[in-house]
Structures are given as structure tokens and as C-alpha cells.
């Protein structure tokens, strides 16, 4: 099968390389802010997909590992992908869109809610420069308001 690469596939090249990551997150409205540091390695799979492998040090000193895949499906005209981490059993499927300025990719997903049941989530990847990008995560609360709970800055190693 022959794949014709699109400008969206090429846009994902912004993320290729080795990155130092620092994050702050809260795992619920009444939870304290947790600061983590780690590394992320992102490679291309034939120019069609990117595969991100991250390791973040947790407050107790253990390492959390995660893998994100991202690509673009021309038939659906949408970015698609997945996220998994060794600290959870849910596979997070992604569908997303790029803003008009081509600086922010918003990825929609659904999964376990902080208060039980399922919830809608967004991971938002923002390209700040060739050496800096930000991942933000938020969830949709019962009132229909997006609540940010994580920000992770990535600087080229």
C-alpha cells in the first residue's frame, strides 16, 4: 500500500527529537499540584506516524512511562492517535484538528472521569518554537466547562 504524505503528516515533524519535559498537574479539584520532570523521545514511523515515548519521575520517585501515537487520516480529514501509560489501564483514542494558524493541535478523547463514570477530555499540543512545545490536558465538567488539570513544557534536549 502506498501512502501519500500530506501537509498534516509533515506538520507532525515539529515534534521529532529528544525533549526534556517538566509538568505540573492536579488529579482532581481538591488535589495538590504535582510537579514532575522527565524525558520524551519522538520518532517517525515512515513519515506517516509519530511515536512518542515518555518517562516522568513521580513524586514517590518511581518512573511513569507512556506512549503516544499520532498520525493523520486523509479519509476522515482528522488527526488520529492513541495514548497509553503504565499507571492506568485505559487506552485513550484520539481524534483531533489543527487550528488555522497551524500552531495548536486539539485532540479529543473519552475516558474514566475523576468523579467516576466517563468524561470527555482534550490533549492540546501547542508548537511554541522549533525547540519548545506544550502539552495541556483538560476535561469537560458537568456544567459544560473545560477544566485544565495538566501542563507539560517540552524543551529540545
Protein backbone atom coordinates (compact mmCIF):
# COMPACT_ATOMS: atom_id res chain seq x y z
CA UNK A 1 0.00 0.00 0.00
CA UNK A 2 1.36 3.42 -0.96
CA UNK A 3 0.80 6.36 1.39
CA UNK A 4 0.74 9.88 0.01
CA UNK A 5 2.03 12.17 2.74
CA UNK A 6 0.01 15.31 3.35
CA UNK A 7 0.99 18.66 4.86
CA UNK A 8 -0.64 17.41 8.09
CA UNK A 9 1.72 14.42 8.19
CA UNK A 10 4.66 16.77 7.68
CA UNK A 11 3.36 19.10 10.40
CA UNK A 12 3.89 16.33 12.95
CA UNK A 13 7.64 16.55 12.26
CA UNK A 14 7.70 19.56 14.64
CA UNK A 15 7.75 17.05 17.48
CA UNK A 16 10.55 14.76 16.31
CA UNK A 17 13.61 14.52 18.54
CA UNK A 18 14.68 14.31 22.16
CA UNK A 19 12.96 16.51 24.73
CA UNK A 20 13.26 17.43 28.39
CA UNK A 21 9.82 17.72 29.96
CA UNK A 22 8.56 19.47 33.08
CA UNK A 23 4.95 19.26 34.12
CA UNK A 24 2.52 20.35 36.75
CA UNK A 25 -0.79 18.61 37.24
CA UNK A 26 -3.62 18.10 39.67
CA UNK A 27 -5.54 14.84 39.69
CA UNK A 28 -8.78 16.44 40.84
CA UNK A 29 -10.33 19.69 42.03
CA UNK A 30 -9.25 19.25 45.66
CA UNK A 31 -5.89 17.66 44.92
CA UNK A 32 -2.49 19.35 45.31
CA UNK A 33 -0.36 20.40 42.33
CA UNK A 34 2.24 17.78 41.45
CA UNK A 35 5.45 18.79 39.64
CA UNK A 36 7.25 16.18 37.54
CA UNK A 37 10.32 16.10 35.31
CA UNK A 38 11.16 13.63 32.60
CA UNK A 39 12.24 12.96 29.06
CA UNK A 40 10.41 12.33 25.81
CA UNK A 41 11.78 10.70 22.67
CA UNK A 42 9.73 11.13 19.48
CA UNK A 43 10.44 9.30 16.25
CA UNK A 44 8.78 8.97 12.87
CA UNK A 45 7.26 5.79 11.52
CA UNK A 46 7.73 6.22 7.78
CA UNK A 47 6.65 9.86 7.87
CA UNK A 48 3.07 8.66 8.41
CA UNK A 49 3.01 8.40 12.21
CA UNK A 50 4.98 9.79 15.10
CA UNK A 51 5.63 7.66 18.17
CA UNK A 52 6.37 9.43 21.44
CA UNK A 53 7.87 7.54 24.36
CA UNK A 54 7.97 9.45 27.64
CA UNK A 55 9.26 8.81 31.13
CA UNK A 56 8.25 11.07 34.02
CA UNK A 57 9.51 10.86 37.59
CA UNK A 58 6.59 10.63 40.00
CA UNK A 59 6.58 12.28 43.46
CA UNK A 60 7.36 8.93 45.12
CA UNK A 61 10.48 8.53 42.92
CA UNK A 62 9.05 5.88 40.60
CA UNK A 63 9.02 6.36 36.83
CA UNK A 64 5.79 6.58 34.83
CA UNK A 65 6.18 5.51 31.20
CA UNK A 66 3.82 6.45 28.39
CA UNK A 67 3.48 6.05 24.64
CA UNK A 68 1.58 8.37 22.30
CA UNK A 69 0.97 7.75 18.62
CA UNK A 70 -0.20 10.45 16.23
CA UNK A 71 -0.96 10.48 12.53
CA UNK A 72 -3.35 11.98 10.03
CA UNK A 73 -6.18 10.15 8.27
CA UNK A 74 -6.94 11.90 4.94
CA UNK A 75 -10.21 9.93 4.53
CA UNK A 76 -11.57 11.33 7.79
CA UNK A 77 -9.66 14.61 7.36
CA UNK A 78 -8.60 14.38 11.01
CA UNK A 79 -5.59 13.68 13.17
CA UNK A 80 -5.83 10.34 14.95
CA UNK A 81 -3.80 8.55 17.58
CA UNK A 82 -3.61 6.88 20.95
CA UNK A 83 -2.16 7.37 24.43
CA UNK A 84 -1.29 4.69 26.99
CA UNK A 85 0.63 4.84 30.26
CA UNK A 86 1.80 2.20 32.71
CA UNK A 87 -0.11 3.90 35.56
CA UNK A 88 -3.55 3.26 34.02
CA UNK A 89 -5.44 0.54 32.13
CA UNK A 90 -7.39 2.78 29.74
CA UNK A 91 -6.31 3.20 26.10
CA UNK A 92 -7.08 6.80 25.11
CA UNK A 93 -8.10 7.10 21.43
CA UNK A 94 -7.58 10.50 19.82
CA UNK A 95 -9.33 12.44 17.06
CA UNK A 96 -8.25 15.99 16.51
CA UNK A 97 -7.96 19.14 14.48
CA UNK A 98 -5.29 21.73 13.79
CA UNK A 99 -6.07 25.42 14.24
CA UNK A 100 -5.94 27.82 11.26
CA UNK A 101 -2.52 29.16 12.32
CA UNK A 102 -1.17 25.58 12.40
CA UNK A 103 0.27 26.01 15.90
CA UNK A 104 -2.25 24.11 18.05
CA UNK A 105 -3.50 20.53 17.65
CA UNK A 106 -6.55 19.76 19.81
CA UNK A 107 -7.09 16.05 20.40
CA UNK A 108 -10.44 14.84 21.76
CA UNK A 109 -10.83 11.64 23.78
CA UNK A 110 -13.06 10.00 26.36
CA UNK A 111 -12.18 8.00 29.43
CA UNK A 112 -12.65 7.47 33.14
CA UNK A 113 -13.76 10.63 34.94
CA UNK A 114 -12.14 11.94 38.12
CA UNK A 115 -15.51 11.63 39.93
CA UNK A 116 -16.43 8.26 38.42
CA UNK A 117 -18.21 7.45 35.19
CA UNK A 118 -16.81 8.60 31.86
CA UNK A 119 -15.72 12.08 30.85
CA UNK A 120 -14.64 13.99 27.75
CA UNK A 121 -11.00 15.07 27.62
CA UNK A 122 -8.74 17.12 25.40
CA UNK A 123 -4.98 16.99 24.99
CA UNK A 124 -3.78 20.19 23.35
CA UNK A 125 -0.36 20.31 21.70
CA UNK A 126 0.97 23.79 21.02
CA UNK A 127 4.11 24.44 18.98
CA UNK A 128 5.78 27.48 20.54
CA UNK A 129 9.05 27.29 18.57
CA UNK A 130 11.25 24.66 16.93
CA UNK A 131 12.73 23.96 20.37
CA UNK A 132 9.64 24.26 22.61
CA UNK A 133 6.15 22.78 22.65
CA UNK A 134 3.47 22.48 25.31
CA UNK A 135 1.01 19.68 26.10
CA UNK A 136 -2.07 20.76 28.05
CA UNK A 137 -4.82 18.43 29.29
CA UNK A 138 -8.34 19.34 30.31
CA UNK A 139 -11.69 17.66 30.99
CA UNK A 140 -15.29 18.73 30.47
CA UNK A 141 -17.13 19.10 33.77
CA UNK A 142 -20.85 18.51 34.38
CA UNK A 143 -21.57 22.21 33.72
CA UNK A 144 -20.01 22.03 30.24
CA UNK A 145 -16.86 23.94 31.24
CA UNK A 146 -13.37 22.80 30.25
CA UNK A 147 -11.20 22.37 33.36
CA UNK A 148 -7.40 22.36 32.85
CA UNK A 149 -5.53 19.84 35.01
CA UNK A 150 -2.09 19.38 33.42
CA UNK A 151 0.57 21.38 31.58
CA UNK A 152 3.82 19.89 30.35
CA UNK A 153 6.51 22.04 28.71
CA UNK A 154 8.92 20.27 26.37
CA UNK A 155 12.32 21.81 25.53
CA UNK A 156 14.65 20.27 22.99
CA UNK A 157 17.44 18.31 24.72
